């Protein structure tokens, strides 16, 4: 094994620079956290998930944009158990307009709901000294493109597939 290739330490985003909120906060505060991380001339959202910490600063879960939308408009996100009717697949998106009044009137009230019931558990984390290829393989095989990174079992930052991709394409996988 060669030591010319570094670990992931230089690729992580420190927790202070990544959107995160406390588990006692609301959907509205989660939306504000997402909105505070924008980039570019058009101010696009910078991240598609945020992490949830407890009062001891421990990572307890994650929240995606879809989780927030589920909290704001649960009736649109419910999965119907019937998948076919008289030989035709059901496309629920065609019926979404029927929920316009109830969705838009309810979603404002739902902004004050807590994030805890909507958060997902953290399934994978990696130590900060993980080799770049192990991190890449872990992400690809687990389909997790944003993984918490630990140092002495404390979360210190987040590694995204975007940073691994960039490092692989610009530093390691060069044409010779």
N, C-alpha and C. Protein backbone atom coordinates (compact mmCIF):
# COMPACT_ATOMS: atom_id res chain seq x y z
N UNK A 1 0.85 -1.18 0.00
CA UNK A 1 0.00 0.00 0.00
C UNK A 1 0.89 1.24 0.00
N UNK A 2 0.57 2.17 -0.84
CA UNK A 2 1.35 3.39 -0.94
C UNK A 2 0.82 4.44 0.04
N UNK A 3 1.68 5.30 0.49
CA UNK A 3 1.27 6.37 1.40
C UNK A 3 1.24 7.72 0.69
N UNK A 4 1.41 7.70 -0.65
CA UNK A 4 1.39 8.95 -1.41
C UNK A 4 -0.01 9.56 -1.48
N UNK A 5 -1.02 8.75 -1.27
CA UNK A 5 -2.39 9.22 -1.36
C UNK A 5 -2.92 9.52 0.04
N UNK A 6 -3.40 10.72 0.24
CA UNK A 6 -3.84 11.09 1.59
C UNK A 6 -5.18 10.49 1.97
N UNK A 7 -5.47 10.67 3.23
CA UNK A 7 -6.79 10.32 3.71
C UNK A 7 -7.76 11.42 3.33
N UNK A 8 -8.84 11.45 4.00
CA UNK A 8 -9.91 12.39 3.66
C UNK A 8 -9.87 13.68 4.47
N UNK A 9 -8.93 13.79 5.37
CA UNK A 9 -8.86 14.94 6.28
C UNK A 9 -8.97 16.28 5.56
N UNK A 10 -8.30 16.45 4.44
CA UNK A 10 -8.30 17.73 3.73
C UNK A 10 -9.53 17.94 2.86
N UNK A 11 -10.40 16.95 2.79
CA UNK A 11 -11.58 17.04 1.93
C UNK A 11 -12.87 17.32 2.69
N UNK A 12 -12.81 17.24 4.00
CA UNK A 12 -14.06 17.38 4.77
C UNK A 12 -14.46 18.84 4.92
N UNK A 13 -15.75 19.03 5.11
CA UNK A 13 -16.32 20.34 5.42
C UNK A 13 -16.51 20.36 6.94
N UNK A 14 -15.88 21.29 7.64
CA UNK A 14 -16.05 21.35 9.10
C UNK A 14 -17.51 21.54 9.49
N UNK A 15 -17.92 20.97 10.61
CA UNK A 15 -19.32 21.07 11.05
C UNK A 15 -19.80 22.52 11.12
N UNK A 16 -18.94 23.43 11.52
CA UNK A 16 -19.36 24.84 11.60
C UNK A 16 -19.70 25.42 10.24
N UNK A 17 -19.20 24.83 9.17
CA UNK A 17 -19.46 25.31 7.82
C UNK A 17 -20.53 24.50 7.10
N UNK A 18 -21.15 23.57 7.80
CA UNK A 18 -22.17 22.71 7.20
C UNK A 18 -23.48 22.93 7.94
N UNK A 19 -24.60 22.98 7.22
CA UNK A 19 -25.87 23.23 7.91
C UNK A 19 -26.21 22.15 8.93
N UNK A 20 -26.49 22.59 10.12
CA UNK A 20 -26.94 21.69 11.17
C UNK A 20 -27.78 22.48 12.16
N UNK A 21 -28.69 21.79 12.82
CA UNK A 21 -29.56 22.40 13.82
C UNK A 21 -29.68 21.46 15.00
N UNK A 22 -30.24 21.99 16.08
CA UNK A 22 -30.49 21.20 17.28
C UNK A 22 -31.77 20.40 17.10
N UNK A 23 -31.83 19.25 17.74
CA UNK A 23 -32.99 18.37 17.63
C UNK A 23 -34.27 18.99 18.18
N UNK A 24 -34.17 20.04 18.98
CA UNK A 24 -35.37 20.68 19.53
C UNK A 24 -35.93 21.76 18.61
N UNK A 25 -35.30 21.98 17.46
CA UNK A 25 -35.74 23.05 16.58
C UNK A 25 -36.87 22.61 15.66
N UNK A 26 -37.44 23.59 14.95
CA UNK A 26 -38.63 23.38 14.13
C UNK A 26 -38.30 23.27 12.64
N UNK A 27 -39.31 22.89 11.87
CA UNK A 27 -39.15 22.86 10.42
C UNK A 27 -38.77 24.23 9.88
N UNK A 28 -39.35 25.28 10.44
CA UNK A 28 -39.03 26.63 10.00
C UNK A 28 -37.54 26.93 10.20
N UNK A 29 -37.00 26.52 11.33
CA UNK A 29 -35.57 26.74 11.59
C UNK A 29 -34.70 25.88 10.67
N UNK A 30 -35.19 24.69 10.32
CA UNK A 30 -34.46 23.85 9.36
C UNK A 30 -34.45 24.52 7.98
N UNK A 31 -35.57 25.08 7.58
CA UNK A 31 -35.66 25.79 6.29
C UNK A 31 -34.70 26.98 6.30
N UNK A 32 -34.67 27.72 7.40
CA UNK A 32 -33.75 28.85 7.51
C UNK A 32 -32.29 28.39 7.42
N UNK A 33 -31.98 27.24 8.03
CA UNK A 33 -30.61 26.71 7.95
C UNK A 33 -30.24 26.37 6.51
N UNK A 34 -31.14 25.70 5.81
CA UNK A 34 -30.88 25.40 4.40
C UNK A 34 -30.68 26.69 3.60
N UNK A 35 -31.55 27.65 3.82
CA UNK A 35 -31.49 28.89 3.05
C UNK A 35 -30.27 29.74 3.36
N UNK A 36 -29.65 29.53 4.49
CA UNK A 36 -28.48 30.32 4.85
C UNK A 36 -27.20 29.84 4.13
N UNK A 37 -27.27 28.70 3.47
CA UNK A 37 -26.13 28.15 2.73
C UNK A 37 -26.46 28.16 1.25
N UNK A 38 -26.33 29.32 0.63
CA UNK A 38 -26.60 29.48 -0.80
C UNK A 38 -25.33 29.94 -1.50
N UNK A 39 -25.27 29.72 -2.82
CA UNK A 39 -24.08 30.11 -3.56
C UNK A 39 -24.46 30.53 -4.97
N UNK A 40 -23.51 31.15 -5.63
CA UNK A 40 -23.66 31.54 -7.04
C UNK A 40 -24.51 32.78 -7.22
N UNK A 41 -24.50 33.27 -8.44
CA UNK A 41 -25.25 34.47 -8.78
C UNK A 41 -26.75 34.27 -8.59
N UNK A 42 -27.22 33.06 -8.83
CA UNK A 42 -28.65 32.77 -8.69
C UNK A 42 -29.03 32.32 -7.29
N UNK A 43 -28.05 32.26 -6.40
CA UNK A 43 -28.26 31.88 -5.00
C UNK A 43 -28.94 30.50 -4.86
N UNK A 44 -28.34 29.51 -5.53
CA UNK A 44 -28.85 28.14 -5.42
C UNK A 44 -28.54 27.57 -4.04
N UNK A 45 -29.40 26.65 -3.58
CA UNK A 45 -29.14 25.97 -2.32
C UNK A 45 -27.81 25.23 -2.41
N UNK A 46 -27.01 25.34 -1.37
CA UNK A 46 -25.70 24.71 -1.37
C UNK A 46 -25.71 23.27 -0.92
N UNK A 47 -26.72 22.85 -0.18
CA UNK A 47 -26.76 21.51 0.37
C UNK A 47 -28.17 20.95 0.26
N UNK A 48 -28.28 19.62 0.22
CA UNK A 48 -29.59 18.97 0.13
C UNK A 48 -29.96 18.25 1.41
N UNK A 49 -29.09 18.30 2.40
CA UNK A 49 -29.41 17.72 3.71
C UNK A 49 -28.69 18.49 4.78
N UNK A 50 -29.25 18.43 5.98
CA UNK A 50 -28.58 19.02 7.13
C UNK A 50 -28.55 17.99 8.23
N UNK A 51 -27.69 18.23 9.19
CA UNK A 51 -27.53 17.27 10.27
C UNK A 51 -28.15 17.80 11.55
N UNK A 52 -28.62 16.88 12.38
CA UNK A 52 -29.30 17.20 13.62
C UNK A 52 -28.39 16.80 14.78
N UNK A 53 -28.16 17.74 15.69
CA UNK A 53 -27.33 17.48 16.87
C UNK A 53 -28.17 17.64 18.13
N UNK A 54 -27.72 17.02 19.21
CA UNK A 54 -28.41 17.19 20.49
C UNK A 54 -27.71 18.25 21.33
N UNK A 55 -28.15 18.45 22.55
CA UNK A 55 -27.57 19.49 23.41
C UNK A 55 -26.12 19.22 23.79
N UNK A 56 -25.68 17.96 23.68
CA UNK A 56 -24.30 17.60 23.97
C UNK A 56 -23.43 17.69 22.70
N UNK A 57 -23.97 18.28 21.64
CA UNK A 57 -23.27 18.45 20.35
C UNK A 57 -22.96 17.13 19.67
N UNK A 58 -23.77 16.10 19.97
CA UNK A 58 -23.62 14.80 19.33
C UNK A 58 -24.56 14.73 18.13
N UNK A 59 -24.10 14.10 17.08
CA UNK A 59 -24.90 13.94 15.88
C UNK A 59 -25.95 12.85 16.13
N UNK A 60 -27.23 13.20 15.95
CA UNK A 60 -28.29 12.24 16.22
C UNK A 60 -29.13 11.89 15.00
N UNK A 61 -28.99 12.64 13.92
CA UNK A 61 -29.78 12.33 12.73
C UNK A 61 -29.50 13.29 11.60
N UNK A 62 -30.21 13.09 10.51
CA UNK A 62 -30.09 13.97 9.36
C UNK A 62 -31.47 14.26 8.80
N UNK A 63 -31.55 15.36 8.08
CA UNK A 63 -32.82 15.82 7.52
C UNK A 63 -32.57 16.24 6.08
N UNK A 64 -33.33 15.69 5.16
CA UNK A 64 -33.18 16.04 3.75
C UNK A 64 -34.26 17.04 3.35
N UNK A 65 -34.12 17.59 2.17
CA UNK A 65 -35.16 18.48 1.65
C UNK A 65 -36.48 17.74 1.54
N UNK A 66 -36.44 16.48 1.14
CA UNK A 66 -37.66 15.69 1.04
C UNK A 66 -38.30 15.48 2.41
N UNK A 67 -37.49 15.27 3.45
CA UNK A 67 -38.03 15.14 4.80
C UNK A 67 -38.79 16.40 5.21
N UNK A 68 -38.21 17.55 4.89
CA UNK A 68 -38.87 18.82 5.23
C UNK A 68 -40.16 18.96 4.45
N UNK A 69 -40.13 18.66 3.16
CA UNK A 69 -41.37 18.74 2.36
C UNK A 69 -42.43 17.78 2.88
N UNK A 70 -42.00 16.63 3.35
CA UNK A 70 -42.95 15.68 3.95
C UNK A 70 -43.60 16.29 5.19
N UNK A 71 -42.83 17.02 5.98
CA UNK A 71 -43.38 17.67 7.16
C UNK A 71 -44.31 18.82 6.81
N UNK A 72 -43.98 19.55 5.76
CA UNK A 72 -44.80 20.69 5.35
C UNK A 72 -46.10 20.24 4.68
N UNK A 73 -46.02 19.24 3.83
CA UNK A 73 -47.18 18.80 3.05
C UNK A 73 -47.30 17.28 3.08
N UNK A 74 -47.64 16.72 4.23
CA UNK A 74 -47.66 15.27 4.35
C UNK A 74 -48.65 14.59 3.41
N UNK A 75 -49.77 15.24 3.10
CA UNK A 75 -50.76 14.60 2.23
C UNK A 75 -50.24 14.40 0.80
N UNK A 76 -49.30 15.24 0.36
CA UNK A 76 -48.73 15.06 -0.96
C UNK A 76 -47.67 13.97 -0.99
N UNK A 77 -47.08 13.70 0.14
CA UNK A 77 -45.97 12.76 0.19
C UNK A 77 -46.40 11.34 0.60
N UNK A 78 -47.66 11.17 0.98
CA UNK A 78 -48.13 9.86 1.40
C UNK A 78 -48.08 8.89 0.22
N UNK A 79 -47.71 7.68 0.49
CA UNK A 79 -47.65 6.65 -0.53
C UNK A 79 -48.99 5.92 -0.54
N UNK A 80 -49.56 5.85 -1.69
CA UNK A 80 -50.84 5.16 -1.86
C UNK A 80 -50.58 3.66 -1.94
N UNK A 81 -51.42 2.85 -1.28
CA UNK A 81 -51.20 1.41 -1.29
C UNK A 81 -51.69 0.78 -2.59
N UNK A 82 -52.66 1.37 -3.25
CA UNK A 82 -53.16 0.84 -4.52
C UNK A 82 -52.22 1.33 -5.62
N UNK A 83 -51.68 0.40 -6.38
CA UNK A 83 -50.76 0.79 -7.45
C UNK A 83 -51.37 0.67 -8.83
N UNK A 84 -52.44 -0.11 -8.98
CA UNK A 84 -53.09 -0.25 -10.29
C UNK A 84 -54.59 -0.20 -10.12
N UNK A 85 -55.22 0.34 -11.12
CA UNK A 85 -56.68 0.38 -11.14
C UNK A 85 -57.10 0.05 -12.57
N UNK A 86 -57.81 -1.05 -12.73
CA UNK A 86 -58.26 -1.52 -14.04
C UNK A 86 -57.14 -1.51 -15.07
N UNK A 87 -55.97 -2.04 -14.67
CA UNK A 87 -54.88 -2.21 -15.60
C UNK A 87 -54.01 -0.98 -15.82
N UNK A 88 -54.34 0.13 -15.19
CA UNK A 88 -53.56 1.35 -15.40
C UNK A 88 -52.81 1.70 -14.13
N UNK A 89 -51.53 2.04 -14.28
CA UNK A 89 -50.75 2.50 -13.13
C UNK A 89 -51.28 3.85 -12.68
N UNK A 90 -51.23 4.07 -11.40
CA UNK A 90 -51.68 5.34 -10.85
C UNK A 90 -50.51 6.32 -10.83
N UNK A 91 -50.70 7.50 -11.38
CA UNK A 91 -49.71 8.57 -11.33
C UNK A 91 -50.27 9.63 -10.40
N UNK A 92 -49.80 9.61 -9.14
CA UNK A 92 -50.33 10.53 -8.14
C UNK A 92 -49.98 11.98 -8.43
N UNK A 93 -48.91 12.22 -9.17
CA UNK A 93 -48.54 13.60 -9.44
C UNK A 93 -49.61 14.33 -10.25
N UNK A 94 -50.38 13.58 -11.05
CA UNK A 94 -51.47 14.20 -11.82
C UNK A 94 -52.58 14.71 -10.90
N UNK A 95 -52.68 14.14 -9.71
CA UNK A 95 -53.74 14.53 -8.78
C UNK A 95 -53.30 15.60 -7.78
N UNK A 96 -52.05 15.98 -7.81
CA UNK A 96 -51.50 16.91 -6.82
C UNK A 96 -52.24 18.23 -6.80
N UNK A 97 -52.66 18.70 -7.94
CA UNK A 97 -53.35 20.00 -8.02
C UNK A 97 -54.64 20.00 -7.20
N UNK A 98 -55.23 18.84 -6.98
CA UNK A 98 -56.45 18.75 -6.18
C UNK A 98 -56.21 19.11 -4.72
N UNK A 99 -54.95 19.01 -4.28
CA UNK A 99 -54.59 19.31 -2.90
C UNK A 99 -54.08 20.73 -2.71
N UNK A 100 -54.18 21.57 -3.73
CA UNK A 100 -53.58 22.90 -3.67
C UNK A 100 -54.04 23.71 -2.47
N UNK A 101 -55.33 23.87 -2.29
CA UNK A 101 -55.84 24.71 -1.20
C UNK A 101 -55.44 24.16 0.16
N UNK A 102 -55.65 22.87 0.36
CA UNK A 102 -55.33 22.29 1.68
C UNK A 102 -53.83 22.28 1.93
N UNK A 103 -53.04 22.02 0.90
CA UNK A 103 -51.58 21.98 1.07
C UNK A 103 -51.04 23.35 1.44
N UNK A 104 -51.38 24.36 0.66
CA UNK A 104 -50.82 25.68 0.91
C UNK A 104 -51.35 26.31 2.20
N UNK A 105 -52.57 25.98 2.60
CA UNK A 105 -53.07 26.54 3.86
C UNK A 105 -52.46 25.82 5.06
N UNK A 106 -52.18 24.54 4.93
CA UNK A 106 -51.64 23.77 6.06
C UNK A 106 -50.13 23.89 6.20
N UNK A 107 -49.41 24.07 5.10
CA UNK A 107 -47.94 24.01 5.20
C UNK A 107 -47.37 25.16 6.02
N UNK A 108 -48.03 26.31 6.02
CA UNK A 108 -47.56 27.41 6.87
C UNK A 108 -47.67 27.05 8.34
N UNK A 109 -48.75 26.38 8.72
CA UNK A 109 -48.92 25.96 10.11
C UNK A 109 -47.92 24.87 10.48
N UNK A 110 -47.57 24.04 9.54
CA UNK A 110 -46.66 22.92 9.81
C UNK A 110 -45.23 23.37 10.01
N UNK A 111 -44.91 24.61 9.65
CA UNK A 111 -43.54 25.10 9.80
C UNK A 111 -43.10 25.13 11.26
N UNK A 112 -44.05 25.15 12.19
CA UNK A 112 -43.72 25.20 13.61
C UNK A 112 -43.59 23.81 14.24
N UNK A 113 -43.73 22.77 13.46
CA UNK A 113 -43.59 21.41 13.98
C UNK A 113 -42.12 21.08 14.22
N UNK A 114 -41.84 20.21 15.19
CA UNK A 114 -40.45 19.83 15.46
C UNK A 114 -39.87 18.96 14.34
N UNK A 115 -38.55 19.00 14.20
CA UNK A 115 -37.88 18.21 13.16
C UNK A 115 -37.67 16.76 13.57
N UNK A 116 -37.67 16.49 14.85
CA UNK A 116 -37.31 15.16 15.35
C UNK A 116 -38.09 14.02 14.71
N UNK A 117 -39.43 14.11 14.56
CA UNK A 117 -40.13 12.97 13.94
C UNK A 117 -39.78 12.75 12.48
N UNK A 118 -39.21 13.74 11.83
CA UNK A 118 -38.90 13.63 10.41
C UNK A 118 -37.46 13.24 10.12
N UNK A 119 -36.59 13.35 11.12
CA UNK A 119 -35.17 13.09 10.87
C UNK A 119 -34.92 11.60 10.68
N UNK A 120 -33.87 11.32 9.94
CA UNK A 120 -33.46 9.96 9.65
C UNK A 120 -32.22 9.63 10.48
N UNK A 121 -32.06 8.37 10.87
CA UNK A 121 -30.87 8.02 11.66
C UNK A 121 -29.60 8.09 10.80
N UNK A 122 -28.49 8.31 11.46
CA UNK A 122 -27.18 8.28 10.80
C UNK A 122 -26.79 6.81 10.68
N UNK A 123 -26.57 6.36 9.46
CA UNK A 123 -26.26 4.95 9.24
C UNK A 123 -24.77 4.69 9.07
N UNK A 124 -24.04 5.69 8.61
CA UNK A 124 -22.63 5.50 8.31
C UNK A 124 -21.84 6.72 8.76
N UNK A 125 -20.67 6.48 9.31
CA UNK A 125 -19.69 7.54 9.56
C UNK A 125 -18.32 6.93 9.32
N UNK A 126 -17.35 7.80 9.08
CA UNK A 126 -15.98 7.33 8.83
C UNK A 126 -15.02 8.10 9.72
N UNK A 127 -13.93 7.44 10.17
CA UNK A 127 -12.90 8.17 10.91
C UNK A 127 -12.11 9.07 9.97
N UNK A 128 -11.57 10.14 10.51
CA UNK A 128 -10.88 11.15 9.72
C UNK A 128 -9.64 10.62 9.01
N UNK A 129 -9.06 9.53 9.48
CA UNK A 129 -7.86 8.99 8.85
C UNK A 129 -8.16 7.94 7.77
N UNK A 130 -9.41 7.84 7.35
CA UNK A 130 -9.82 6.89 6.32
C UNK A 130 -9.13 7.21 4.99
N UNK A 131 -8.65 6.20 4.32
CA UNK A 131 -8.03 6.35 3.00
C UNK A 131 -9.10 6.82 2.02
N UNK A 132 -8.71 7.64 1.07
CA UNK A 132 -9.65 8.23 0.11
C UNK A 132 -10.40 7.16 -0.69
N UNK A 133 -9.73 6.06 -1.04
CA UNK A 133 -10.41 5.01 -1.81
C UNK A 133 -11.42 4.24 -0.98
N UNK A 134 -11.11 4.05 0.30
CA UNK A 134 -12.09 3.39 1.17
C UNK A 134 -13.32 4.28 1.32
N UNK A 135 -13.12 5.58 1.48
CA UNK A 135 -14.25 6.50 1.59
C UNK A 135 -15.09 6.48 0.32
N UNK A 136 -14.44 6.48 -0.81
CA UNK A 136 -15.13 6.45 -2.10
C UNK A 136 -15.93 5.16 -2.25
N UNK A 137 -15.31 4.04 -1.94
CA UNK A 137 -16.00 2.75 -2.04
C UNK A 137 -17.18 2.69 -1.08
N UNK A 138 -17.01 3.21 0.13
CA UNK A 138 -18.09 3.22 1.11
C UNK A 138 -19.28 4.02 0.59
N UNK A 139 -19.00 5.20 0.04
CA UNK A 139 -20.07 6.03 -0.49
C UNK A 139 -20.78 5.36 -1.65
N UNK A 140 -20.02 4.82 -2.56
CA UNK A 140 -20.63 4.21 -3.75
C UNK A 140 -21.45 2.97 -3.40
N UNK A 141 -20.95 2.14 -2.50
CA UNK A 141 -21.65 0.90 -2.16
C UNK A 141 -22.84 1.13 -1.23
N UNK A 142 -22.79 2.17 -0.44
CA UNK A 142 -23.89 2.43 0.51
C UNK A 142 -24.92 3.40 -0.04
N UNK A 143 -24.59 4.05 -1.16
CA UNK A 143 -25.44 5.08 -1.75
C UNK A 143 -25.67 6.26 -0.80
N UNK A 144 -24.69 6.53 0.05
CA UNK A 144 -24.69 7.71 0.92
C UNK A 144 -23.64 8.66 0.37
N UNK A 145 -24.06 9.81 -0.09
CA UNK A 145 -23.14 10.74 -0.74
C UNK A 145 -22.74 11.89 0.16
N UNK A 146 -23.05 11.76 1.42
CA UNK A 146 -22.73 12.78 2.41
C UNK A 146 -22.57 12.04 3.74
N UNK A 147 -21.34 11.93 4.23
CA UNK A 147 -21.07 11.08 5.39
C UNK A 147 -20.38 11.89 6.50
N UNK A 148 -20.86 11.76 7.73
CA UNK A 148 -20.18 12.40 8.86
C UNK A 148 -18.79 11.79 9.08
N UNK A 149 -17.84 12.65 9.44
CA UNK A 149 -16.46 12.22 9.69
C UNK A 149 -16.15 12.45 11.16
N UNK A 150 -15.54 11.45 11.79
CA UNK A 150 -15.26 11.51 13.22
C UNK A 150 -13.77 11.54 13.50
N UNK A 151 -13.45 12.12 14.65
CA UNK A 151 -12.09 12.09 15.19
C UNK A 151 -12.25 11.81 16.67
N UNK A 152 -11.70 10.68 17.12
CA UNK A 152 -11.90 10.23 18.51
C UNK A 152 -13.38 10.15 18.85
N UNK A 153 -14.16 9.62 17.91
CA UNK A 153 -15.60 9.38 18.04
C UNK A 153 -16.44 10.64 18.16
N UNK A 154 -15.86 11.80 17.88
CA UNK A 154 -16.60 13.05 17.86
C UNK A 154 -16.70 13.51 16.41
N UNK A 155 -17.90 13.92 15.99
CA UNK A 155 -18.09 14.37 14.62
C UNK A 155 -17.39 15.71 14.44
N UNK A 156 -16.50 15.76 13.43
CA UNK A 156 -15.75 16.99 13.18
C UNK A 156 -16.12 17.65 11.86
N UNK A 157 -16.80 16.89 11.01
CA UNK A 157 -17.17 17.45 9.72
C UNK A 157 -17.91 16.46 8.86
N UNK A 158 -18.10 16.87 7.61
CA UNK A 158 -18.87 16.08 6.66
C UNK A 158 -18.04 15.90 5.39
N UNK A 159 -18.08 14.71 4.85
CA UNK A 159 -17.44 14.44 3.56
C UNK A 159 -18.54 14.20 2.54
N UNK A 160 -18.46 14.93 1.43
CA UNK A 160 -19.44 14.76 0.36
C UNK A 160 -18.78 14.09 -0.84
N UNK A 161 -19.59 13.41 -1.62
CA UNK A 161 -19.10 12.79 -2.84
C UNK A 161 -18.53 13.84 -3.78
N UNK A 162 -19.06 15.04 -3.76
CA UNK A 162 -18.58 16.12 -4.63
C UNK A 162 -17.08 16.38 -4.41
N UNK A 163 -16.65 16.43 -3.16
CA UNK A 163 -15.24 16.68 -2.86
C UNK A 163 -14.37 15.48 -3.24
N UNK A 164 -14.88 14.27 -3.01
CA UNK A 164 -14.13 13.08 -3.42
C UNK A 164 -14.00 13.02 -4.94
N UNK A 165 -15.07 13.31 -5.63
CA UNK A 165 -15.05 13.33 -7.09
C UNK A 165 -14.01 14.32 -7.59
N UNK A 166 -14.03 15.51 -7.04
CA UNK A 166 -13.09 16.54 -7.46
C UNK A 166 -11.65 16.11 -7.21
N UNK A 167 -11.38 15.56 -6.05
CA UNK A 167 -10.02 15.10 -5.73
C UNK A 167 -9.58 13.98 -6.68
N UNK A 168 -10.47 13.06 -6.95
CA UNK A 168 -10.12 11.94 -7.84
C UNK A 168 -9.84 12.45 -9.25
N UNK A 169 -10.67 13.34 -9.76
CA UNK A 169 -10.56 13.78 -11.16
C UNK A 169 -9.46 14.81 -11.38
N UNK A 170 -9.13 15.59 -10.37
CA UNK A 170 -8.14 16.65 -10.58
C UNK A 170 -6.76 16.32 -10.01
N UNK A 171 -6.68 15.39 -9.09
CA UNK A 171 -5.40 15.11 -8.44
C UNK A 171 -4.88 13.71 -8.72
N UNK A 172 -5.72 12.72 -8.60
CA UNK A 172 -5.23 11.34 -8.63
C UNK A 172 -5.40 10.64 -9.97
N UNK A 173 -6.46 10.90 -10.67
CA UNK A 173 -6.73 10.22 -11.93
C UNK A 173 -6.37 11.13 -13.10
N UNK A 174 -5.11 11.46 -13.20
CA UNK A 174 -4.65 12.36 -14.26
C UNK A 174 -4.13 11.56 -15.43
N UNK A 175 -4.19 12.16 -16.62
CA UNK A 175 -3.69 11.53 -17.84
C UNK A 175 -2.17 11.64 -17.86
N UNK A 176 -1.51 10.53 -18.17
CA UNK A 176 -0.04 10.53 -18.21
C UNK A 176 0.44 10.25 -19.61
